[in-house]
């Protein structure tokens, strides 16, 4: 196993552990919100939840803010991220949420994106498997605005609509 793969998996476990610590006082259910592929990876591959003592059913929903779903394609465009994922394309495929999109009984998902075309295949596979996958497409916000303005009462009308969409999604699937 390549050193970087080990580091990436340790990082993923750390993320899961942090999430457990944050949500431990709330109860046995939680929801994930992230701007990286990790949230979709955790939500689409039950093995990672099981390894920290959680069942896939404990994940009520997930929201992805501009996270890639196909790491092979993403890393070919954004080579700087190879320092996180290494150079082994098998690791990229295993870490790609798109690899697990056809799994049944995935948690409901809301994917916030600036380019619907980058997540269309993932969403189609997920829906064909009988899962819920919603899209909020930002037409005017930059990547950094998506991640900075979520939850804010400031910003453009589109930023406010994005926050409202995430809040409504959360209420529908978590409360």
N, C-alpha and C. Protein backbone atom coordinates (compact mmCIF):
# COMPACT_ATOMS: atom_id res chain seq x y z
N UNK A 1 0.85 -1.18 0.00
CA UNK A 1 0.00 0.00 0.00
C UNK A 1 0.90 1.24 0.00
N UNK A 2 0.60 2.16 -0.87
CA UNK A 2 1.37 3.38 -0.98
C UNK A 2 1.19 4.25 0.28
N UNK A 3 2.25 4.93 0.71
CA UNK A 3 2.22 5.76 1.92
C UNK A 3 1.09 6.78 1.85
N UNK A 4 0.90 7.40 0.70
CA UNK A 4 -0.14 8.43 0.57
C UNK A 4 -1.53 7.84 0.75
N UNK A 5 -1.72 6.60 0.28
CA UNK A 5 -3.01 5.95 0.46
C UNK A 5 -3.30 5.78 1.95
N UNK A 6 -2.29 5.37 2.69
CA UNK A 6 -2.46 5.21 4.12
C UNK A 6 -2.80 6.54 4.77
N UNK A 7 -2.08 7.60 4.38
CA UNK A 7 -2.35 8.92 4.94
C UNK A 7 -3.76 9.35 4.61
N UNK A 8 -4.21 9.10 3.37
CA UNK A 8 -5.55 9.51 2.98
C UNK A 8 -6.60 8.76 3.80
N UNK A 9 -6.41 7.47 3.98
CA UNK A 9 -7.38 6.69 4.75
C UNK A 9 -7.36 7.12 6.21
N UNK A 10 -6.18 7.37 6.77
CA UNK A 10 -6.11 7.86 8.15
C UNK A 10 -6.83 9.19 8.26
N UNK A 11 -6.66 10.03 7.25
CA UNK A 11 -7.35 11.32 7.25
C UNK A 11 -8.85 11.14 7.21
N UNK A 12 -9.31 10.19 6.41
CA UNK A 12 -10.74 9.92 6.31
C UNK A 12 -11.27 9.42 7.65
N UNK A 13 -10.52 8.52 8.30
CA UNK A 13 -10.95 8.03 9.61
C UNK A 13 -10.97 9.17 10.62
N UNK A 14 -10.01 10.08 10.52
CA UNK A 14 -10.00 11.23 11.43
C UNK A 14 -11.23 12.09 11.23
N UNK A 15 -11.60 12.28 9.98
CA UNK A 15 -12.80 13.07 9.67
C UNK A 15 -14.02 12.40 10.29
N UNK A 16 -14.13 11.08 10.11
CA UNK A 16 -15.27 10.36 10.68
C UNK A 16 -15.26 10.48 12.20
N UNK A 17 -14.10 10.30 12.81
CA UNK A 17 -14.00 10.41 14.26
C UNK A 17 -14.39 11.79 14.74
N UNK A 18 -13.97 12.82 14.03
CA UNK A 18 -14.32 14.19 14.39
C UNK A 18 -15.83 14.39 14.30
N UNK A 19 -16.43 13.87 13.25
CA UNK A 19 -17.87 13.99 13.08
C UNK A 19 -18.59 13.31 14.25
N UNK A 20 -18.10 12.13 14.64
CA UNK A 20 -18.71 11.41 15.76
C UNK A 20 -18.60 12.25 17.03
N UNK A 21 -17.46 12.85 17.28
CA UNK A 21 -17.29 13.68 18.46
C UNK A 21 -18.24 14.88 18.45
N UNK A 22 -18.38 15.48 17.30
CA UNK A 22 -19.24 16.66 17.19
C UNK A 22 -20.71 16.29 17.42
N UNK A 23 -21.14 15.15 16.92
CA UNK A 23 -22.55 14.79 16.97
C UNK A 23 -22.91 13.83 18.10
N UNK A 24 -21.95 13.43 18.90
CA UNK A 24 -22.22 12.44 19.93
C UNK A 24 -23.32 12.87 20.92
N UNK A 25 -23.39 14.14 21.25
CA UNK A 25 -24.38 14.61 22.19
C UNK A 25 -25.75 14.81 21.59
N UNK A 26 -25.87 14.75 20.29
CA UNK A 26 -27.15 15.01 19.63
C UNK A 26 -28.01 13.76 19.56
N UNK A 27 -27.41 12.61 19.48
CA UNK A 27 -28.17 11.38 19.39
C UNK A 27 -27.49 10.40 18.47
N UNK A 28 -28.26 9.45 17.98
CA UNK A 28 -27.67 8.39 17.18
C UNK A 28 -27.72 8.67 15.68
N UNK A 29 -28.19 9.82 15.29
CA UNK A 29 -28.27 10.16 13.87
C UNK A 29 -27.50 11.44 13.60
N UNK A 30 -26.94 11.54 12.41
CA UNK A 30 -26.24 12.75 12.05
C UNK A 30 -26.35 13.02 10.56
N UNK A 31 -25.92 14.18 10.18
CA UNK A 31 -25.94 14.62 8.79
C UNK A 31 -24.58 15.21 8.51
N UNK A 32 -24.09 15.02 7.28
CA UNK A 32 -22.77 15.52 6.89
C UNK A 32 -22.90 16.65 5.90
N UNK A 33 -22.05 17.65 6.06
CA UNK A 33 -21.96 18.74 5.11
C UNK A 33 -20.48 18.98 4.88
N UNK A 34 -20.06 18.98 3.62
CA UNK A 34 -18.64 19.12 3.34
C UNK A 34 -18.42 19.70 1.96
N UNK A 35 -17.20 20.22 1.75
CA UNK A 35 -16.85 20.73 0.43
C UNK A 35 -15.81 19.84 -0.24
N UNK A 36 -15.61 18.62 0.26
CA UNK A 36 -14.66 17.72 -0.38
C UNK A 36 -15.33 16.40 -0.70
N UNK A 37 -14.65 15.52 -1.45
CA UNK A 37 -15.29 14.25 -1.82
C UNK A 37 -15.49 13.33 -0.63
N UNK A 38 -14.83 13.61 0.49
CA UNK A 38 -14.94 12.73 1.65
C UNK A 38 -16.35 12.51 2.12
N UNK A 39 -17.17 13.54 2.13
CA UNK A 39 -18.55 13.40 2.62
C UNK A 39 -19.33 12.43 1.75
N UNK A 40 -19.17 12.54 0.44
CA UNK A 40 -19.89 11.60 -0.43
C UNK A 40 -19.29 10.21 -0.32
N UNK A 41 -17.96 10.14 -0.13
CA UNK A 41 -17.29 8.85 -0.01
C UNK A 41 -17.77 8.15 1.26
N UNK A 42 -17.82 8.85 2.36
CA UNK A 42 -18.30 8.27 3.62
C UNK A 42 -19.75 7.84 3.46
N UNK A 43 -20.54 8.66 2.80
CA UNK A 43 -21.96 8.38 2.66
C UNK A 43 -22.30 7.30 1.66
N UNK A 44 -21.40 7.03 0.70
CA UNK A 44 -21.70 6.04 -0.33
C UNK A 44 -21.01 4.71 -0.10
N UNK A 45 -20.05 4.65 0.81
CA UNK A 45 -19.32 3.40 1.08
C UNK A 45 -19.43 3.07 2.57
N UNK A 46 -20.37 2.19 2.94
CA UNK A 46 -20.66 1.89 4.34
C UNK A 46 -19.45 1.42 5.15
N UNK A 47 -18.47 0.84 4.49
CA UNK A 47 -17.29 0.31 5.19
C UNK A 47 -16.68 1.34 6.14
N UNK A 48 -16.62 2.60 5.73
CA UNK A 48 -15.98 3.62 6.55
C UNK A 48 -16.78 3.95 7.80
N UNK A 49 -18.08 3.94 7.69
CA UNK A 49 -18.91 4.15 8.88
C UNK A 49 -18.80 2.95 9.82
N UNK A 50 -18.85 1.75 9.23
CA UNK A 50 -18.76 0.53 10.04
C UNK A 50 -17.45 0.47 10.81
N UNK A 51 -16.36 0.95 10.23
CA UNK A 51 -15.06 0.88 10.89
C UNK A 51 -14.96 1.75 12.13
N UNK A 52 -15.86 2.69 12.28
CA UNK A 52 -15.87 3.51 13.49
C UNK A 52 -17.12 3.25 14.34
N UNK A 53 -17.75 2.09 14.10
CA UNK A 53 -18.85 1.66 14.95
C UNK A 53 -20.20 2.26 14.61
N UNK A 54 -20.36 2.80 13.42
CA UNK A 54 -21.65 3.36 13.01
C UNK A 54 -22.25 2.53 11.89
N UNK A 55 -23.56 2.48 11.86
CA UNK A 55 -24.21 1.81 10.75
C UNK A 55 -24.53 2.86 9.68
N UNK A 56 -24.63 2.43 8.43
CA UNK A 56 -25.00 3.38 7.38
C UNK A 56 -26.34 4.07 7.66
N UNK A 57 -27.22 3.40 8.40
CA UNK A 57 -28.53 3.99 8.72
C UNK A 57 -28.42 5.18 9.66
N UNK A 58 -27.30 5.35 10.34
CA UNK A 58 -27.14 6.48 11.26
C UNK A 58 -26.87 7.78 10.51
N UNK A 59 -26.49 7.67 9.26
CA UNK A 59 -26.27 8.85 8.43
C UNK A 59 -27.59 9.20 7.76
N UNK A 60 -28.25 10.24 8.23
CA UNK A 60 -29.58 10.60 7.75
C UNK A 60 -29.55 11.28 6.39
N UNK A 61 -28.52 12.10 6.14
CA UNK A 61 -28.43 12.80 4.85
C UNK A 61 -27.03 13.38 4.71
N UNK A 62 -26.73 13.82 3.52
CA UNK A 62 -25.46 14.50 3.30
C UNK A 62 -25.63 15.62 2.29
N UNK A 63 -24.83 16.65 2.49
CA UNK A 63 -24.81 17.80 1.59
C UNK A 63 -23.37 17.99 1.15
N UNK A 64 -23.17 18.08 -0.14
CA UNK A 64 -21.83 18.29 -0.68
C UNK A 64 -21.78 19.68 -1.32
N UNK A 65 -20.81 20.47 -0.90
CA UNK A 65 -20.61 21.80 -1.48
C UNK A 65 -19.44 21.75 -2.45
N UNK A 66 -19.74 21.65 -3.72
CA UNK A 66 -18.71 21.72 -4.75
C UNK A 66 -17.66 20.63 -4.66
N UNK A 67 -17.98 19.48 -4.12
CA UNK A 67 -17.00 18.40 -4.05
C UNK A 67 -17.04 17.54 -5.30
N UNK A 68 -15.87 17.08 -5.77
CA UNK A 68 -15.84 16.23 -6.97
C UNK A 68 -16.42 14.86 -6.69
N UNK A 69 -17.03 14.25 -7.69
CA UNK A 69 -17.58 12.91 -7.55
C UNK A 69 -16.73 11.88 -8.30
N UNK A 70 -15.93 12.32 -9.24
CA UNK A 70 -15.05 11.44 -10.00
C UNK A 70 -13.62 11.94 -9.79
N UNK A 71 -12.91 11.29 -8.87
CA UNK A 71 -11.57 11.76 -8.54
C UNK A 71 -10.56 11.56 -9.66
N UNK A 72 -10.75 10.53 -10.48
CA UNK A 72 -9.82 10.32 -11.59
C UNK A 72 -9.86 11.52 -12.52
N UNK A 73 -11.05 11.94 -12.89
CA UNK A 73 -11.21 13.12 -13.76
C UNK A 73 -10.70 14.37 -13.06
N UNK A 74 -11.06 14.52 -11.79
CA UNK A 74 -10.68 15.70 -11.02
C UNK A 74 -9.15 15.81 -10.89
N UNK A 75 -8.49 14.70 -10.56
CA UNK A 75 -7.04 14.74 -10.34
C UNK A 75 -6.27 14.92 -11.65
N UNK A 76 -6.85 14.54 -12.76
CA UNK A 76 -6.21 14.82 -14.04
C UNK A 76 -6.25 16.31 -14.36
N UNK A 77 -7.30 16.98 -13.90
CA UNK A 77 -7.41 18.43 -14.09
C UNK A 77 -6.66 19.21 -13.02
N UNK A 78 -6.70 18.73 -11.78
CA UNK A 78 -6.17 19.45 -10.63
C UNK A 78 -5.06 18.62 -9.98
N UNK A 79 -3.95 18.51 -10.67
CA UNK A 79 -2.85 17.64 -10.25
C UNK A 79 -2.28 17.94 -8.87
N UNK A 80 -2.45 19.15 -8.38
CA UNK A 80 -1.92 19.50 -7.06
C UNK A 80 -2.50 18.66 -5.94
N UNK A 81 -3.69 18.12 -6.14
CA UNK A 81 -4.33 17.30 -5.11
C UNK A 81 -3.76 15.89 -5.05
N UNK A 82 -2.85 15.56 -5.97
CA UNK A 82 -2.23 14.23 -5.93
C UNK A 82 -1.41 14.04 -4.67
N UNK A 83 -0.96 15.13 -4.06
CA UNK A 83 -0.21 14.99 -2.80
C UNK A 83 -1.10 14.43 -1.70
N UNK A 84 -2.40 14.55 -1.83
CA UNK A 84 -3.34 13.97 -0.87
C UNK A 84 -3.70 12.54 -1.27
N UNK A 85 -3.98 12.32 -2.56
CA UNK A 85 -4.48 11.03 -3.03
C UNK A 85 -3.41 10.14 -3.66
N UNK A 86 -2.18 10.66 -3.84
CA UNK A 86 -1.12 9.86 -4.44
C UNK A 86 -1.28 9.74 -5.94
N UNK A 87 -0.54 8.82 -6.53
CA UNK A 87 -0.55 8.65 -7.99
C UNK A 87 -1.21 7.35 -8.44
N UNK A 88 -1.67 6.54 -7.51
CA UNK A 88 -2.26 5.25 -7.84
C UNK A 88 -3.72 5.44 -8.27
N UNK A 89 -3.97 5.20 -9.55
CA UNK A 89 -5.33 5.41 -10.07
C UNK A 89 -6.35 4.47 -9.44
N UNK A 90 -5.92 3.32 -8.94
CA UNK A 90 -6.84 2.42 -8.24
C UNK A 90 -7.36 3.09 -6.96
N UNK A 91 -6.49 3.82 -6.28
CA UNK A 91 -6.90 4.56 -5.08
C UNK A 91 -7.90 5.64 -5.47
N UNK A 92 -7.66 6.31 -6.58
CA UNK A 92 -8.57 7.37 -7.04
C UNK A 92 -9.97 6.80 -7.28
N UNK A 93 -10.02 5.64 -7.95
CA UNK A 93 -11.31 5.01 -8.25
C UNK A 93 -12.00 4.61 -6.95
N UNK A 94 -11.23 4.01 -6.01
CA UNK A 94 -11.82 3.59 -4.74
C UNK A 94 -12.33 4.78 -3.93
N UNK A 95 -11.65 5.91 -4.05
CA UNK A 95 -12.04 7.10 -3.28
C UNK A 95 -13.10 7.94 -3.99
N UNK A 96 -13.46 7.58 -5.20
CA UNK A 96 -14.45 8.35 -5.96
C UNK A 96 -15.87 7.99 -5.57
N UNK A 97 -16.64 8.95 -5.12
CA UNK A 97 -18.04 8.67 -4.81
C UNK A 97 -18.79 8.06 -5.99
N UNK A 98 -18.43 8.44 -7.21
CA UNK A 98 -19.12 7.91 -8.39
C UNK A 98 -19.03 6.39 -8.47
N UNK A 99 -17.96 5.80 -7.92
CA UNK A 99 -17.79 4.35 -7.91
C UNK A 99 -18.94 3.67 -7.17
N UNK A 100 -19.51 4.34 -6.18
CA UNK A 100 -20.53 3.74 -5.32
C UNK A 100 -21.92 4.32 -5.55
N UNK A 101 -22.08 5.09 -6.61
CA UNK A 101 -23.35 5.77 -6.86
C UNK A 101 -24.52 4.82 -7.05
N UNK A 102 -24.27 3.62 -7.54
CA UNK A 102 -25.35 2.67 -7.80
C UNK A 102 -25.71 1.84 -6.57
N UNK A 103 -25.03 2.07 -5.44
CA UNK A 103 -25.40 1.36 -4.22
C UNK A 103 -26.82 1.73 -3.82
N UNK A 104 -27.55 0.76 -3.35
CA UNK A 104 -28.91 1.01 -2.89
C UNK A 104 -28.89 1.51 -1.45
N UNK A 105 -29.94 2.19 -1.07
CA UNK A 105 -30.14 2.69 0.29
C UNK A 105 -29.06 3.67 0.75
N UNK A 106 -28.65 4.54 -0.16
CA UNK A 106 -27.75 5.62 0.22
C UNK A 106 -28.56 6.70 0.92
N UNK A 107 -27.92 7.49 1.77
CA UNK A 107 -28.67 8.57 2.42
C UNK A 107 -29.09 9.62 1.38
N UNK A 108 -30.17 10.33 1.63
CA UNK A 108 -30.55 11.42 0.73
C UNK A 108 -29.40 12.42 0.61
N UNK A 109 -29.20 12.91 -0.60
CA UNK A 109 -28.09 13.83 -0.87
C UNK A 109 -28.57 15.11 -1.52
N UNK A 110 -27.91 16.19 -1.16
CA UNK A 110 -28.06 17.47 -1.85
C UNK A 110 -26.67 17.86 -2.31
N UNK A 111 -26.51 18.01 -3.61
CA UNK A 111 -25.22 18.39 -4.16
C UNK A 111 -25.30 19.82 -4.67
N UNK A 112 -24.51 20.68 -4.06
CA UNK A 112 -24.44 22.08 -4.47
C UNK A 112 -23.27 22.18 -5.43
N UNK A 113 -23.54 22.68 -6.63
CA UNK A 113 -22.52 22.71 -7.67
C UNK A 113 -22.64 23.96 -8.52
N UNK A 114 -21.54 24.31 -9.15
CA UNK A 114 -21.58 25.42 -10.11
C UNK A 114 -21.77 24.89 -11.52
N UNK A 115 -21.49 23.60 -11.71
CA UNK A 115 -21.64 22.99 -13.04
C UNK A 115 -22.36 21.65 -12.90
N UNK A 116 -23.63 21.67 -13.21
CA UNK A 116 -24.46 20.47 -13.11
C UNK A 116 -23.86 19.30 -13.91
N UNK A 117 -23.23 19.61 -15.02
CA UNK A 117 -22.67 18.57 -15.89
C UNK A 117 -21.60 17.74 -15.18
N UNK A 118 -20.92 18.31 -14.17
CA UNK A 118 -19.85 17.58 -13.49
C UNK A 118 -20.38 16.51 -12.53
N UNK A 119 -21.65 16.59 -12.18
CA UNK A 119 -22.21 15.60 -11.26
C UNK A 119 -23.37 14.82 -11.86
N UNK A 120 -23.70 15.09 -13.13
CA UNK A 120 -24.87 14.48 -13.76
C UNK A 120 -24.82 12.95 -13.76
N UNK A 121 -23.70 12.36 -14.12
CA UNK A 121 -23.60 10.89 -14.16
C UNK A 121 -23.79 10.30 -12.77
N UNK A 122 -23.19 10.92 -11.77
CA UNK A 122 -23.33 10.46 -10.38
C UNK A 122 -24.80 10.51 -9.96
N UNK A 123 -25.44 11.63 -10.20
CA UNK A 123 -26.84 11.81 -9.80
C UNK A 123 -27.73 10.81 -10.53
N UNK A 124 -27.51 10.61 -11.83
CA UNK A 124 -28.32 9.66 -12.59
C UNK A 124 -28.17 8.24 -12.03
N UNK A 125 -26.94 7.80 -11.79
CA UNK A 125 -26.72 6.45 -11.24
C UNK A 125 -27.37 6.31 -9.87
N UNK A 126 -27.26 7.34 -9.06
CA UNK A 126 -27.83 7.31 -7.72
C UNK A 126 -29.34 7.21 -7.78
N UNK A 127 -29.94 7.99 -8.64
CA UNK A 127 -31.40 7.96 -8.76
C UNK A 127 -31.91 6.64 -9.34
N UNK A 128 -31.20 6.10 -10.33
CA UNK A 128 -31.59 4.82 -10.93
C UNK A 128 -31.59 3.72 -9.87
N UNK A 129 -30.68 3.80 -8.91
CA UNK A 129 -30.61 2.81 -7.82
C UNK A 129 -31.71 3.02 -6.78
N UNK A 130 -32.53 4.07 -6.96
CA UNK A 130 -33.65 4.31 -6.05
C UNK A 130 -33.34 5.27 -4.91
N UNK A 131 -32.23 5.96 -5.01
CA UNK A 131 -31.83 6.90 -3.97
C UNK A 131 -32.28 8.32 -4.30
N UNK A 132 -32.27 9.18 -3.30
CA UNK A 132 -32.62 10.59 -3.48
C UNK A 132 -31.35 11.40 -3.67
N UNK A 133 -31.28 12.12 -4.77
CA UNK A 133 -30.14 13.00 -5.03
C UNK A 133 -30.69 14.29 -5.63
N UNK A 134 -30.59 15.37 -4.87
CA UNK A 134 -31.06 16.67 -5.31
C UNK A 134 -29.87 17.53 -5.70
N UNK A 135 -30.12 18.48 -6.58
CA UNK A 135 -29.06 19.38 -7.05
C UNK A 135 -29.50 20.81 -6.82
N UNK A 136 -28.57 21.61 -6.31
CA UNK A 136 -28.75 23.06 -6.31
C UNK A 136 -27.59 23.60 -7.14
N UNK A 137 -27.93 24.16 -8.29
CA UNK A 137 -26.90 24.69 -9.18
C UNK A 137 -26.75 26.19 -8.98
N UNK A 138 -25.52 26.58 -8.68
CA UNK A 138 -25.19 28.00 -8.53
C UNK A 138 -24.76 28.53 -9.90
N UNK A 139 -25.42 29.55 -10.34
CA UNK A 139 -25.11 30.09 -11.67
C UNK A 139 -24.12 31.26 -11.60
N UNK A 140 -24.08 31.97 -10.47
CA UNK A 140 -23.25 33.18 -10.40
C UNK A 140 -22.18 33.13 -9.32
N UNK A 141 -22.26 32.20 -8.39
CA UNK A 141 -21.30 32.16 -7.28
C UNK A 141 -20.01 31.45 -7.70
N UNK A 142 -18.89 31.94 -7.20
CA UNK A 142 -17.61 31.26 -7.41
C UNK A 142 -17.51 30.11 -6.41
N UNK A 143 -16.50 29.26 -6.59
CA UNK A 143 -16.29 28.15 -5.64
C UNK A 143 -16.11 28.68 -4.22
N UNK A 144 -15.28 29.70 -4.08
CA UNK A 144 -15.04 30.22 -2.73
C UNK A 144 -16.29 30.89 -2.16
N UNK A 145 -17.11 31.50 -2.99
CA UNK A 145 -18.35 32.10 -2.49
C UNK A 145 -19.32 31.02 -2.02
N UNK A 146 -19.37 29.89 -2.73
CA UNK A 146 -20.24 28.79 -2.31
C UNK A 146 -19.86 28.36 -0.90
N UNK A 147 -18.57 28.17 -0.67
CA UNK A 147 -18.14 27.68 0.64
C UNK A 147 -18.15 28.76 1.71
N UNK A 148 -17.99 30.01 1.34
CA UNK A 148 -17.96 31.09 2.33
C UNK A 148 -19.35 31.60 2.70
N UNK A 149 -20.27 31.56 1.76
CA UNK A 149 -21.58 32.18 1.99
C UNK A 149 -22.66 31.22 2.47
N UNK A 150 -22.36 29.93 2.50
CA UNK A 150 -23.38 28.98 2.98
C UNK A 150 -23.70 29.32 4.44
N UNK A 151 -24.96 29.48 4.72
CA UNK A 151 -25.39 29.80 6.07
C UNK A 151 -25.37 31.28 6.41
N UNK A 152 -24.88 32.08 5.51
CA UNK A 152 -24.77 33.52 5.78
C UNK A 152 -26.04 34.24 5.35
N UNK A 153 -26.35 35.31 6.04
CA UNK A 153 -27.48 36.15 5.63
C UNK A 153 -26.99 37.25 4.70
N UNK A 154 -25.68 37.29 4.48
CA UNK A 154 -25.08 38.28 3.58
C UNK A 154 -24.92 37.64 2.21
N UNK A 155 -24.50 38.43 1.26
CA UNK A 155 -24.25 37.90 -0.07
C UNK A 155 -25.41 38.14 -1.00
N UNK A 156 -25.28 37.55 -2.17
CA UNK A 156 -26.25 37.75 -3.23
C UNK A 156 -27.54 36.99 -2.95
N UNK A 157 -28.52 37.25 -3.77
CA UNK A 157 -29.79 36.53 -3.67
C UNK A 157 -29.57 35.03 -3.89
N UNK A 158 -28.68 34.69 -4.80
CA UNK A 158 -28.41 33.28 -5.06
C UNK A 158 -27.79 32.60 -3.83
N UNK A 159 -26.89 33.29 -3.14
CA UNK A 159 -26.29 32.74 -1.92
C UNK A 159 -27.37 32.49 -0.86
N UNK A 160 -28.31 33.38 -0.75
CA UNK A 160 -29.41 33.21 0.21
C UNK A 160 -30.30 32.03 -0.20
N UNK A 161 -30.54 31.87 -1.50
CA UNK A 161 -31.34 30.74 -1.98
C UNK A 161 -30.62 29.42 -1.72
N UNK A 162 -29.28 29.42 -1.88
CA UNK A 162 -28.50 28.22 -1.60
C UNK A 162 -28.64 27.83 -0.12
N UNK A 163 -28.49 28.80 0.76
CA UNK A 163 -28.63 28.55 2.19
C UNK A 163 -30.03 28.03 2.51
N UNK A 164 -31.04 28.62 1.90
CA UNK A 164 -32.41 28.19 2.12
C UNK A 164 -32.61 26.75 1.64
N UNK A 165 -32.04 26.42 0.47
CA UNK A 165 -32.16 25.06 -0.06
C UNK A 165 -31.53 24.04 0.88
N UNK A 166 -30.35 24.35 1.42
CA UNK A 166 -29.68 23.45 2.36
C UNK A 166 -30.50 23.32 3.64
N UNK A 167 -31.02 24.41 4.15
CA UNK A 167 -31.82 24.38 5.38
C UNK A 167 -33.10 23.56 5.17
N UNK A 168 -33.77 23.75 4.05
CA UNK A 168 -35.00 22.99 3.77
C UNK A 168 -34.70 21.50 3.61
N UNK A 169 -33.59 21.19 2.95
CA UNK A 169 -33.17 19.80 2.79
C UNK A 169 -32.91 19.18 4.16
N UNK A 170 -32.18 19.90 5.01
CA UNK A 170 -31.88 19.43 6.35
C UNK A 170 -33.16 19.15 7.13
N UNK A 171 -34.09 20.10 7.09
CA UNK A 171 -35.35 19.92 7.83
C UNK A 171 -36.13 18.70 7.33
N UNK A 172 -36.16 18.54 6.01
CA UNK A 172 -36.93 17.45 5.42
C UNK A 172 -36.39 16.07 5.82
N UNK A 173 -35.08 15.92 5.84
CA UNK A 173 -34.50 14.60 6.05
C UNK A 173 -33.89 14.36 7.43
N UNK A 174 -33.84 15.37 8.28
CA UNK A 174 -33.19 15.20 9.57
C UNK A 174 -34.02 15.54 10.78
N UNK A 175 -35.08 16.28 10.61
CA UNK A 175 -35.87 16.67 11.79
C UNK A 175 -37.18 15.91 11.85
